[in-house]
Amino acid sequence: PATHRKVALTFDDGPDPEWTERVLGVLAQERVSASFFLVGERAARAPETVRRIAAAGHEVASHGWSHRSLWLCGPRRTDDEIGRARHCLSDAIGAPIRHFRPPWGMVNAVMFGALRRHGQRCVLWSIQPEGLRAAAPERQVEHVLDRAHPGAIVDLHDAEGVPDAPERLLAALPPMIVGLRGLGYDFAT
């Protein structure tokens, strides 16, 4: 509701041992809680980073096992992408994860059934300052501040998807947080 001016900062495509750690530093400095939608196979290679995300009070969520578009997956592969990532991430943090974001927001007819079987809910976004094309840090900040609204979910990227996206994110994140606070927003997962 408009009286509860909160936004959620969410991060896709990690964990990346270098960039995710640097994002965690910014969030700690700014005292912001966020949600990290992690790719299972990347998390399996960086379990310490996954544990640090959770230990810092951030939400750990799934972005699938391999970051494969569900449009290209049949029923068995869809269930595997969701289930395998859930098991890996839940094991890493010692608690069940609750949320899943499909790569690129692409869903298929069997995804919601698979999510129910694995005890997860789909979470998309309402603001995406950098999609398939690179956006300068200043433009990202402007994009988020212009579109901020109570309950907004901001989709950011803490690992390489678009070239150099994490570097631009690190430049944009502090002024984005300051700007959102200046507009009267607080942060939620």
N, C-alpha and C. Protein backbone atom coordinates (compact mmCIF):
# COMPACT_ATOMS: atom_id res chain seq x y z
N PRO A 1 0.82 -1.22 0.00
CA PRO A 1 0.00 0.00 0.00
C PRO A 1 0.86 1.27 0.00
N ALA A 2 0.29 2.36 -0.48
CA ALA A 2 1.02 3.62 -0.60
C ALA A 2 1.55 4.09 0.75
N THR A 3 0.90 3.69 1.84
CA THR A 3 1.36 4.12 3.16
C THR A 3 2.59 3.34 3.62
N HIS A 4 2.89 2.24 2.99
CA HIS A 4 4.08 1.44 3.32
C HIS A 4 5.04 1.54 2.14
N ARG A 5 5.83 2.56 2.13
CA ARG A 5 6.70 2.84 0.99
C ARG A 5 7.95 1.96 1.07
N LYS A 6 7.81 0.72 0.57
CA LYS A 6 8.93 -0.21 0.54
C LYS A 6 9.14 -0.70 -0.88
N VAL A 7 10.40 -0.94 -1.20
CA VAL A 7 10.77 -1.56 -2.46
C VAL A 7 11.69 -2.73 -2.14
N ALA A 8 11.76 -3.67 -3.07
CA ALA A 8 12.65 -4.81 -2.92
C ALA A 8 13.74 -4.72 -3.98
N LEU A 9 14.98 -4.72 -3.53
CA LEU A 9 16.11 -4.83 -4.45
C LEU A 9 16.41 -6.31 -4.59
N THR A 10 16.43 -6.79 -5.83
CA THR A 10 16.69 -8.20 -6.10
C THR A 10 17.86 -8.31 -7.07
N PHE A 11 18.61 -9.38 -6.92
CA PHE A 11 19.82 -9.57 -7.73
C PHE A 11 19.76 -10.93 -8.39
N ASP A 12 19.93 -10.96 -9.71
CA ASP A 12 19.88 -12.19 -10.50
C ASP A 12 21.27 -12.59 -10.98
N ASP A 13 21.38 -13.86 -11.32
CA ASP A 13 22.49 -14.44 -12.09
C ASP A 13 23.69 -14.86 -11.27
N GLY A 14 23.79 -14.53 -10.01
CA GLY A 14 24.91 -14.93 -9.18
C GLY A 14 24.71 -16.34 -8.65
N PRO A 15 25.56 -16.75 -7.72
CA PRO A 15 26.56 -15.90 -7.09
C PRO A 15 27.85 -15.86 -7.90
N ASP A 16 28.48 -14.73 -7.84
CA ASP A 16 29.79 -14.55 -8.43
C ASP A 16 30.74 -14.25 -7.27
N PRO A 17 31.80 -15.06 -7.08
CA PRO A 17 32.66 -14.86 -5.92
C PRO A 17 33.24 -13.45 -5.79
N GLU A 18 33.46 -12.77 -6.90
CA GLU A 18 33.98 -11.40 -6.82
C GLU A 18 32.85 -10.38 -6.71
N TRP A 19 31.94 -10.37 -7.66
CA TRP A 19 30.95 -9.29 -7.74
C TRP A 19 29.88 -9.38 -6.66
N THR A 20 29.39 -10.59 -6.36
CA THR A 20 28.38 -10.71 -5.32
C THR A 20 28.95 -10.27 -3.98
N GLU A 21 30.19 -10.63 -3.72
CA GLU A 21 30.83 -10.20 -2.47
C GLU A 21 30.90 -8.67 -2.38
N ARG A 22 31.17 -8.03 -3.49
CA ARG A 22 31.24 -6.56 -3.49
C ARG A 22 29.86 -5.94 -3.30
N VAL A 23 28.83 -6.55 -3.90
CA VAL A 23 27.45 -6.08 -3.69
C VAL A 23 27.08 -6.24 -2.22
N LEU A 24 27.44 -7.37 -1.62
CA LEU A 24 27.15 -7.57 -0.20
C LEU A 24 27.79 -6.48 0.65
N GLY A 25 28.99 -6.05 0.28
CA GLY A 25 29.65 -4.97 1.01
C GLY A 25 28.86 -3.67 0.94
N VAL A 26 28.37 -3.32 -0.23
CA VAL A 26 27.57 -2.10 -0.39
C VAL A 26 26.29 -2.21 0.44
N LEU A 27 25.61 -3.34 0.35
CA LEU A 27 24.36 -3.51 1.10
C LEU A 27 24.61 -3.43 2.61
N ALA A 28 25.71 -3.99 3.07
CA ALA A 28 26.03 -3.92 4.50
C ALA A 28 26.30 -2.48 4.91
N GLN A 29 27.06 -1.77 4.10
CA GLN A 29 27.38 -0.37 4.41
C GLN A 29 26.12 0.48 4.45
N GLU A 30 25.17 0.21 3.56
CA GLU A 30 23.93 0.99 3.49
C GLU A 30 22.82 0.43 4.38
N ARG A 31 23.08 -0.71 5.04
CA ARG A 31 22.09 -1.37 5.91
C ARG A 31 20.80 -1.67 5.15
N VAL A 32 20.93 -2.38 4.04
CA VAL A 32 19.81 -2.75 3.18
C VAL A 32 19.73 -4.27 3.09
N SER A 33 18.52 -4.81 3.26
CA SER A 33 18.26 -6.24 3.02
C SER A 33 17.76 -6.40 1.59
N ALA A 34 18.16 -7.49 0.95
CA ALA A 34 17.80 -7.72 -0.45
C ALA A 34 17.53 -9.20 -0.67
N SER A 35 17.12 -9.54 -1.88
CA SER A 35 16.90 -10.92 -2.28
C SER A 35 17.84 -11.26 -3.43
N PHE A 36 18.46 -12.44 -3.35
CA PHE A 36 19.39 -12.89 -4.37
C PHE A 36 18.82 -14.13 -5.04
N PHE A 37 18.50 -14.02 -6.33
CA PHE A 37 18.00 -15.13 -7.14
C PHE A 37 19.21 -15.78 -7.80
N LEU A 38 19.64 -16.90 -7.22
CA LEU A 38 20.90 -17.52 -7.59
C LEU A 38 20.73 -18.66 -8.57
N VAL A 39 21.70 -18.80 -9.46
CA VAL A 39 21.75 -19.91 -10.41
C VAL A 39 22.39 -21.09 -9.68
N GLY A 40 21.70 -22.23 -9.67
CA GLY A 40 22.14 -23.38 -8.90
C GLY A 40 23.54 -23.85 -9.21
N GLU A 41 23.88 -24.01 -10.49
CA GLU A 41 25.22 -24.53 -10.81
C GLU A 41 26.31 -23.54 -10.40
N ARG A 42 26.02 -22.25 -10.41
CA ARG A 42 27.00 -21.27 -9.92
C ARG A 42 27.10 -21.33 -8.41
N ALA A 43 25.97 -21.53 -7.74
CA ALA A 43 25.97 -21.66 -6.29
C ALA A 43 26.74 -22.89 -5.83
N ALA A 44 26.65 -23.97 -6.61
CA ALA A 44 27.39 -25.19 -6.26
C ALA A 44 28.89 -24.95 -6.30
N ARG A 45 29.34 -24.01 -7.13
CA ARG A 45 30.78 -23.68 -7.22
C ARG A 45 31.19 -22.61 -6.22
N ALA A 46 30.23 -21.93 -5.58
CA ALA A 46 30.56 -20.84 -4.64
C ALA A 46 29.67 -20.94 -3.39
N PRO A 47 29.69 -22.09 -2.70
CA PRO A 47 28.80 -22.26 -1.54
C PRO A 47 29.07 -21.28 -0.41
N GLU A 48 30.32 -20.87 -0.25
CA GLU A 48 30.63 -19.91 0.82
C GLU A 48 29.95 -18.57 0.56
N THR A 49 29.89 -18.15 -0.69
CA THR A 49 29.21 -16.90 -1.02
C THR A 49 27.72 -17.03 -0.73
N VAL A 50 27.14 -18.17 -1.04
CA VAL A 50 25.71 -18.40 -0.75
C VAL A 50 25.48 -18.30 0.75
N ARG A 51 26.33 -18.93 1.54
CA ARG A 51 26.17 -18.88 2.99
C ARG A 51 26.35 -17.47 3.52
N ARG A 52 27.23 -16.69 2.94
CA ARG A 52 27.42 -15.29 3.38
C ARG A 52 26.20 -14.45 3.07
N ILE A 53 25.57 -14.70 1.93
CA ILE A 53 24.34 -13.97 1.59
C ILE A 53 23.30 -14.21 2.68
N ALA A 54 23.09 -15.48 3.02
CA ALA A 54 22.08 -15.82 4.04
C ALA A 54 22.49 -15.30 5.41
N ALA A 55 23.76 -15.44 5.77
CA ALA A 55 24.23 -15.00 7.09
C ALA A 55 24.08 -13.49 7.27
N ALA A 56 24.12 -12.74 6.17
CA ALA A 56 23.97 -11.29 6.24
C ALA A 56 22.50 -10.87 6.33
N GLY A 57 21.59 -11.85 6.33
CA GLY A 57 20.17 -11.54 6.47
C GLY A 57 19.43 -11.32 5.17
N HIS A 58 20.06 -11.63 4.06
CA HIS A 58 19.40 -11.49 2.76
C HIS A 58 18.65 -12.77 2.41
N GLU A 59 17.67 -12.66 1.55
CA GLU A 59 16.93 -13.83 1.10
C GLU A 59 17.70 -14.52 -0.02
N VAL A 60 17.80 -15.83 0.09
CA VAL A 60 18.35 -16.66 -0.98
C VAL A 60 17.17 -17.27 -1.71
N ALA A 61 17.12 -17.09 -3.03
CA ALA A 61 16.05 -17.61 -3.87
C ALA A 61 16.68 -18.22 -5.12
N SER A 62 15.85 -18.87 -5.92
CA SER A 62 16.35 -19.63 -7.07
C SER A 62 16.13 -18.89 -8.38
N HIS A 63 17.12 -19.03 -9.26
CA HIS A 63 17.02 -18.54 -10.64
C HIS A 63 17.24 -19.72 -11.59
N GLY A 64 16.89 -20.93 -11.09
CA GLY A 64 17.04 -22.14 -11.89
C GLY A 64 18.41 -22.77 -11.72
N TRP A 65 18.56 -23.98 -12.21
CA TRP A 65 19.83 -24.67 -12.09
C TRP A 65 20.88 -24.12 -13.05
N SER A 66 20.51 -23.94 -14.34
CA SER A 66 21.52 -23.59 -15.35
C SER A 66 21.27 -22.27 -16.05
N HIS A 67 20.25 -21.52 -15.64
CA HIS A 67 19.86 -20.27 -16.28
C HIS A 67 19.34 -20.51 -17.69
N ARG A 68 18.80 -21.68 -17.93
CA ARG A 68 18.21 -22.01 -19.23
C ARG A 68 16.81 -21.44 -19.30
N SER A 69 16.45 -20.91 -20.45
CA SER A 69 15.10 -20.41 -20.66
C SER A 69 14.10 -21.56 -20.56
N LEU A 70 13.09 -21.39 -19.73
CA LEU A 70 12.08 -22.45 -19.60
C LEU A 70 11.27 -22.62 -20.88
N TRP A 71 11.27 -21.63 -21.75
CA TRP A 71 10.62 -21.77 -23.06
C TRP A 71 11.21 -22.93 -23.84
N LEU A 72 12.47 -23.24 -23.56
CA LEU A 72 13.18 -24.28 -24.30
C LEU A 72 13.17 -25.62 -23.56
N CYS A 73 12.43 -25.70 -22.45
CA CYS A 73 12.44 -26.90 -21.62
C CYS A 73 11.10 -27.62 -21.67
N GLY A 74 11.18 -28.93 -21.74
CA GLY A 74 9.98 -29.76 -21.61
C GLY A 74 9.67 -29.95 -20.13
N PRO A 75 8.65 -30.75 -19.84
CA PRO A 75 8.24 -30.94 -18.44
C PRO A 75 9.34 -31.49 -17.53
N ARG A 76 10.05 -32.52 -17.98
CA ARG A 76 11.10 -33.12 -17.14
C ARG A 76 12.24 -32.13 -16.88
N ARG A 77 12.67 -31.45 -17.92
CA ARG A 77 13.77 -30.48 -17.75
C ARG A 77 13.34 -29.31 -16.88
N THR A 78 12.10 -28.85 -17.02
CA THR A 78 11.60 -27.77 -16.17
C THR A 78 11.64 -28.18 -14.71
N ASP A 79 11.14 -29.39 -14.41
CA ASP A 79 11.14 -29.87 -13.03
C ASP A 79 12.57 -30.00 -12.51
N ASP A 80 13.48 -30.46 -13.35
CA ASP A 80 14.88 -30.59 -12.95
C ASP A 80 15.52 -29.24 -12.68
N GLU A 81 15.28 -28.25 -13.54
CA GLU A 81 15.83 -26.91 -13.34
C GLU A 81 15.38 -26.33 -12.00
N ILE A 82 14.11 -26.51 -11.67
CA ILE A 82 13.56 -25.96 -10.44
C ILE A 82 13.99 -26.79 -9.23
N GLY A 83 13.82 -28.10 -9.31
CA GLY A 83 14.12 -28.96 -8.17
C GLY A 83 15.58 -29.03 -7.81
N ARG A 84 16.42 -29.15 -8.80
CA ARG A 84 17.86 -29.27 -8.54
C ARG A 84 18.41 -28.00 -7.89
N ALA A 85 17.99 -26.84 -8.39
CA ALA A 85 18.45 -25.58 -7.78
C ALA A 85 17.92 -25.45 -6.36
N ARG A 86 16.64 -25.80 -6.15
CA ARG A 86 16.07 -25.71 -4.80
C ARG A 86 16.86 -26.56 -3.82
N HIS A 87 17.17 -27.79 -4.20
CA HIS A 87 17.92 -28.67 -3.29
C HIS A 87 19.31 -28.10 -2.99
N CYS A 88 20.00 -27.66 -4.01
CA CYS A 88 21.35 -27.11 -3.83
C CYS A 88 21.33 -25.89 -2.91
N LEU A 89 20.43 -24.96 -3.17
CA LEU A 89 20.39 -23.72 -2.39
C LEU A 89 19.90 -23.97 -0.97
N SER A 90 18.87 -24.80 -0.82
CA SER A 90 18.36 -25.11 0.52
C SER A 90 19.43 -25.81 1.35
N ASP A 91 20.17 -26.73 0.74
CA ASP A 91 21.25 -27.41 1.45
C ASP A 91 22.34 -26.42 1.86
N ALA A 92 22.66 -25.49 0.99
CA ALA A 92 23.74 -24.53 1.28
C ALA A 92 23.41 -23.64 2.47
N ILE A 93 22.13 -23.26 2.61
CA ILE A 93 21.79 -22.33 3.71
C ILE A 93 21.13 -23.04 4.89
N GLY A 94 20.83 -24.33 4.75
CA GLY A 94 20.24 -25.08 5.85
C GLY A 94 18.79 -24.75 6.12
N ALA A 95 18.08 -24.25 5.11
CA ALA A 95 16.66 -23.91 5.25
C ALA A 95 16.04 -23.96 3.86
N PRO A 96 14.74 -24.25 3.79
CA PRO A 96 14.11 -24.28 2.46
C PRO A 96 14.02 -22.88 1.85
N ILE A 97 14.25 -22.81 0.56
CA ILE A 97 14.05 -21.54 -0.13
C ILE A 97 12.61 -21.50 -0.62
N ARG A 98 12.07 -20.29 -0.76
CA ARG A 98 10.65 -20.15 -1.06
C ARG A 98 10.35 -19.56 -2.43
N HIS A 99 11.30 -18.89 -3.05
CA HIS A 99 10.99 -18.14 -4.26
C HIS A 99 11.86 -18.55 -5.45
N PHE A 100 11.27 -18.41 -6.63
CA PHE A 100 11.92 -18.76 -7.89
C PHE A 100 11.63 -17.64 -8.90
N ARG A 101 12.65 -17.27 -9.63
CA ARG A 101 12.47 -16.32 -10.74
C ARG A 101 12.97 -17.00 -12.01
N PRO A 102 12.08 -17.17 -13.00
CA PRO A 102 12.52 -17.82 -14.24
C PRO A 102 13.50 -16.91 -15.01
N PRO A 103 14.56 -17.49 -15.56
CA PRO A 103 15.49 -16.69 -16.36
C PRO A 103 14.75 -15.93 -17.46
N TRP A 104 15.04 -14.66 -17.56
CA TRP A 104 14.45 -13.74 -18.53
C TRP A 104 12.94 -13.58 -18.34
N GLY A 105 12.41 -14.10 -17.24
CA GLY A 105 10.98 -14.03 -17.01
C GLY A 105 10.17 -14.93 -17.92
N MET A 106 10.83 -15.86 -18.58
CA MET A 106 10.16 -16.75 -19.54
C MET A 106 9.63 -17.98 -18.83
N VAL A 107 8.32 -18.17 -18.88
CA VAL A 107 7.68 -19.31 -18.22
C VAL A 107 7.18 -20.29 -19.27
N ASN A 108 6.80 -21.47 -18.81
CA ASN A 108 6.14 -22.43 -19.71
C ASN A 108 4.94 -23.01 -18.99
N ALA A 109 4.19 -23.85 -19.67
CA ALA A 109 2.92 -24.36 -19.14
C ALA A 109 3.08 -25.23 -17.90
N VAL A 110 4.23 -25.84 -17.70
CA VAL A 110 4.39 -26.75 -16.57
C VAL A 110 5.13 -26.13 -15.38
N MET A 111 5.64 -24.92 -15.54
CA MET A 111 6.43 -24.30 -14.48
C MET A 111 5.66 -24.17 -13.17
N PHE A 112 4.42 -23.70 -13.21
CA PHE A 112 3.69 -23.44 -11.97
C PHE A 112 3.39 -24.73 -11.21
N GLY A 113 3.11 -25.81 -11.93
CA GLY A 113 2.94 -27.11 -11.27
C GLY A 113 4.22 -27.57 -10.61
N ALA A 114 5.33 -27.40 -11.31
CA ALA A 114 6.64 -27.79 -10.75
C ALA A 114 6.95 -26.95 -9.51
N LEU A 115 6.63 -25.67 -9.56
CA LEU A 115 6.88 -24.82 -8.40
C LEU A 115 6.04 -25.29 -7.20
N ARG A 116 4.79 -25.63 -7.44
CA ARG A 116 3.94 -26.14 -6.34
C ARG A 116 4.54 -27.42 -5.75
N ARG A 117 4.97 -28.32 -6.59
CA ARG A 117 5.57 -29.58 -6.10
C ARG A 117 6.82 -29.32 -5.26
N HIS A 118 7.55 -28.27 -5.59
CA HIS A 118 8.80 -27.97 -4.88
C HIS A 118 8.61 -26.90 -3.81
N GLY A 119 7.38 -26.50 -3.55
CA GLY A 119 7.11 -25.56 -2.46
C GLY A 119 7.64 -24.16 -2.70
N GLN A 120 7.57 -23.70 -3.94
CA GLN A 120 8.08 -22.38 -4.28
C GLN A 120 7.02 -21.54 -4.97
N ARG A 121 7.24 -20.23 -4.95
CA ARG A 121 6.38 -19.28 -5.65
C ARG A 121 7.22 -18.51 -6.66
N CYS A 122 6.59 -18.14 -7.76
CA CYS A 122 7.25 -17.35 -8.81
C CYS A 122 7.26 -15.88 -8.42
N VAL A 123 8.40 -15.24 -8.58
CA VAL A 123 8.54 -13.81 -8.34
C VAL A 123 9.17 -13.19 -9.58
N LEU A 124 8.49 -12.24 -10.17
CA LEU A 124 9.05 -11.53 -11.33
C LEU A 124 9.57 -10.18 -10.84
N TRP A 125 9.34 -9.10 -11.57
CA TRP A 125 9.84 -7.78 -11.19
C TRP A 125 8.94 -6.73 -11.81
N SER A 126 9.08 -5.51 -11.31
CA SER A 126 8.31 -4.40 -11.89
C SER A 126 9.21 -3.30 -12.45
N ILE A 127 10.49 -3.32 -12.08
CA ILE A 127 11.44 -2.34 -12.60
C ILE A 127 12.72 -3.07 -12.96
N GLN A 128 13.17 -2.87 -14.20
CA GLN A 128 14.43 -3.50 -14.63
C GLN A 128 15.27 -2.43 -15.34
N PRO A 129 16.24 -1.87 -14.63
CA PRO A 129 17.02 -0.78 -15.23
C PRO A 129 18.01 -1.21 -16.30
N GLU A 130 18.37 -2.49 -16.32
CA GLU A 130 19.29 -2.96 -17.35
C GLU A 130 18.82 -4.33 -17.79
N GLY A 131 18.30 -4.40 -19.00
CA GLY A 131 17.82 -5.68 -19.53
C GLY A 131 18.87 -6.32 -20.41
N LEU A 132 18.52 -6.55 -21.65
CA LEU A 132 19.44 -7.21 -22.58
C LEU A 132 20.49 -6.25 -23.12
N ARG A 133 20.28 -4.95 -22.93
CA ARG A 133 21.26 -3.96 -23.39
C ARG A 133 21.89 -3.26 -22.19
N ALA A 134 23.12 -2.86 -22.34
CA ALA A 134 23.83 -2.16 -21.27
C ALA A 134 23.22 -0.78 -21.04
N ALA A 135 23.17 -0.39 -19.77
CA ALA A 135 22.71 0.94 -19.40
C ALA A 135 23.73 1.56 -18.46
N ALA A 136 24.11 2.80 -18.72
CA ALA A 136 25.08 3.50 -17.88
C ALA A 136 24.55 3.57 -16.45
N PRO A 137 25.44 3.57 -15.45
CA PRO A 137 25.00 3.62 -14.06
C PRO A 137 24.03 4.78 -13.77
N GLU A 138 24.32 5.97 -14.31
CA GLU A 138 23.44 7.12 -14.05
C GLU A 138 22.05 6.88 -14.61
N ARG A 139 21.99 6.25 -15.76
CA ARG A 139 20.71 5.94 -16.39
C ARG A 139 19.93 4.90 -15.59
N GLN A 140 20.64 3.93 -15.03
CA GLN A 140 19.99 2.93 -14.18
C GLN A 140 19.36 3.58 -12.96
N VAL A 141 20.10 4.46 -12.32
CA VAL A 141 19.58 5.16 -11.13
C VAL A 141 18.35 5.97 -11.52
N GLU A 142 18.45 6.73 -12.58
CA GLU A 142 17.32 7.55 -13.05
C GLU A 142 16.10 6.69 -13.36
N HIS A 143 16.33 5.57 -14.03
CA HIS A 143 15.25 4.65 -14.40
C HIS A 143 14.50 4.16 -13.15
N VAL A 144 15.25 3.72 -12.14
CA VAL A 144 14.64 3.19 -10.92
C VAL A 144 13.91 4.30 -10.17
N LEU A 145 14.53 5.45 -10.01
CA LEU A 145 13.90 6.54 -9.24
C LEU A 145 12.65 7.05 -9.93
N ASP A 146 12.65 7.11 -11.26
CA ASP A 146 11.47 7.57 -12.00
C ASP A 146 10.31 6.59 -11.90
N ARG A 147 10.58 5.31 -11.71
CA ARG A 147 9.53 4.30 -11.74
C ARG A 147 9.20 3.71 -10.37
N ALA A 148 9.90 4.16 -9.34
CA ALA A 148 9.69 3.61 -8.00
C ALA A 148 8.24 3.81 -7.56
N HIS A 149 7.70 2.79 -6.91
CA HIS A 149 6.35 2.84 -6.36
C HIS A 149 6.28 1.85 -5.20
N PRO A 150 5.35 2.04 -4.26
CA PRO A 150 5.26 1.10 -3.15
C PRO A 150 5.07 -0.33 -3.65
N GLY A 151 5.90 -1.23 -3.14
CA GLY A 151 5.83 -2.63 -3.53
C GLY A 151 6.65 -2.97 -4.77
N ALA A 152 7.37 -2.01 -5.32
CA ALA A 152 8.17 -2.27 -6.52
C ALA A 152 9.23 -3.34 -6.24
N ILE A 153 9.49 -4.14 -7.26
CA ILE A 153 10.56 -5.14 -7.21
C ILE A 153 11.55 -4.76 -8.30
N VAL A 154 12.75 -4.40 -7.88
CA VAL A 154 13.79 -3.93 -8.80
C VAL A 154 14.70 -5.10 -9.14
N ASP A 155 14.86 -5.38 -10.43
CA ASP A 155 15.65 -6.50 -10.92
C ASP A 155 17.03 -6.01 -11.33
N LEU A 156 18.05 -6.40 -10.56
CA LEU A 156 19.43 -6.01 -10.80
C LEU A 156 20.25 -7.28 -11.06
N HIS A 157 21.50 -7.13 -11.51
CA HIS A 157 22.31 -8.29 -11.89
C HIS A 157 23.71 -8.18 -11.27
N ASP A 158 24.04 -9.16 -10.42
CA ASP A 158 25.33 -9.15 -9.73
C ASP A 158 26.34 -10.12 -10.34
N ALA A 159 26.04 -10.61 -11.54
CA ALA A 159 26.98 -11.48 -12.25
C ALA A 159 26.87 -11.19 -13.73
N GLU A 160 27.86 -11.61 -14.47
CA GLU A 160 27.88 -11.36 -15.90
C GLU A 160 26.71 -12.04 -16.59
N GLY A 161 25.96 -11.30 -17.31
CA GLY A 161 24.91 -11.76 -18.21
C GLY A 161 25.05 -10.85 -19.41
N VAL A 162 24.78 -9.59 -19.15
CA VAL A 162 25.13 -8.52 -20.08
C VAL A 162 26.57 -8.15 -19.74
N PRO A 163 27.46 -8.00 -20.73
CA PRO A 163 28.86 -7.69 -20.43
C PRO A 163 29.00 -6.47 -19.53
N ASP A 164 29.83 -6.62 -18.50
CA ASP A 164 30.17 -5.57 -17.54
C ASP A 164 29.00 -5.10 -16.67
N ALA A 165 27.90 -5.86 -16.65
CA ALA A 165 26.74 -5.48 -15.84
C ALA A 165 27.09 -5.33 -14.36
N PRO A 166 27.87 -6.24 -13.74
CA PRO A 166 28.16 -6.06 -12.32
C PRO A 166 28.94 -4.78 -12.00
N GLU A 167 29.85 -4.43 -12.90
CA GLU A 167 30.63 -3.20 -12.68
C GLU A 167 29.72 -1.97 -12.71
N ARG A 168 28.79 -1.93 -13.67
CA ARG A 168 27.84 -0.81 -13.74
C ARG A 168 26.92 -0.81 -12.52
N LEU A 169 26.51 -2.01 -12.09
CA LEU A 169 25.65 -2.11 -10.91
C LEU A 169 26.34 -1.52 -9.69
N LEU A 170 27.60 -1.86 -9.49
CA LEU A 170 28.30 -1.34 -8.31
C LEU A 170 28.40 0.18 -8.31
N ALA A 171 28.49 0.77 -9.49
CA ALA A 171 28.51 2.23 -9.58
C ALA A 171 27.11 2.82 -9.33
N ALA A 172 26.07 2.09 -9.74
CA ALA A 172 24.70 2.60 -9.62
C ALA A 172 24.09 2.35 -8.26
N LEU A 173 24.47 1.29 -7.58
CA LEU A 173 23.77 0.87 -6.37
C LEU A 173 23.78 1.90 -5.24
N PRO A 174 24.92 2.48 -4.85
CA PRO A 174 24.86 3.45 -3.75
C PRO A 174 23.97 4.66 -4.04
N PRO A 175 24.09 5.33 -5.21
CA PRO A 175 23.18 6.45 -5.44
C PRO A 175 21.71 6.03 -5.61
N MET A 176 21.49 4.81 -6.06
CA MET A 176 20.12 4.29 -6.18
C MET A 176 19.50 4.16 -4.79
N ILE A 177 20.24 3.59 -3.85
CA ILE A 177 19.75 3.43 -2.48
C ILE A 177 19.51 4.79 -1.84
N VAL A 178 20.46 5.69 -1.98
CA VAL A 178 20.31 7.04 -1.42
C VAL A 178 19.10 7.73 -2.03
N GLY A 179 18.93 7.62 -3.35
CA GLY A 179 17.81 8.25 -4.03
C GLY A 179 16.47 7.69 -3.59
N LEU A 180 16.40 6.36 -3.43
CA LEU A 180 15.15 5.75 -2.98
C LEU A 180 14.82 6.18 -1.56
N ARG A 181 15.83 6.24 -0.71
CA ARG A 181 15.58 6.72 0.66
C ARG A 181 15.13 8.18 0.63
N GLY A 182 15.72 8.97 -0.25
CA GLY A 182 15.33 10.37 -0.37
C GLY A 182 13.88 10.54 -0.81
N LEU A 183 13.35 9.54 -1.53
CA LEU A 183 11.95 9.55 -1.93
C LEU A 183 11.03 8.96 -0.85
N GLY A 184 11.62 8.58 0.28
CA GLY A 184 10.83 8.06 1.39
C GLY A 184 10.64 6.56 1.40
N TYR A 185 11.47 5.83 0.64
CA TYR A 185 11.33 4.38 0.59
C TYR A 185 12.26 3.69 1.59
N ASP A 186 11.79 2.55 2.08
CA ASP A 186 12.59 1.63 2.86
C ASP A 186 12.71 0.37 2.02
N PHE A 187 13.43 -0.63 2.52
CA PHE A 187 13.73 -1.81 1.72
C PHE A 187 13.20 -3.08 2.38
N ALA A 188 12.75 -4.00 1.54
CA ALA A 188 12.24 -5.28 1.99
C ALA A 188 12.77 -6.37 1.07
N THR A 189 12.72 -7.61 1.54
CA THR A 189 13.07 -8.72 0.65
C THR A 189 11.81 -9.15 -0.07
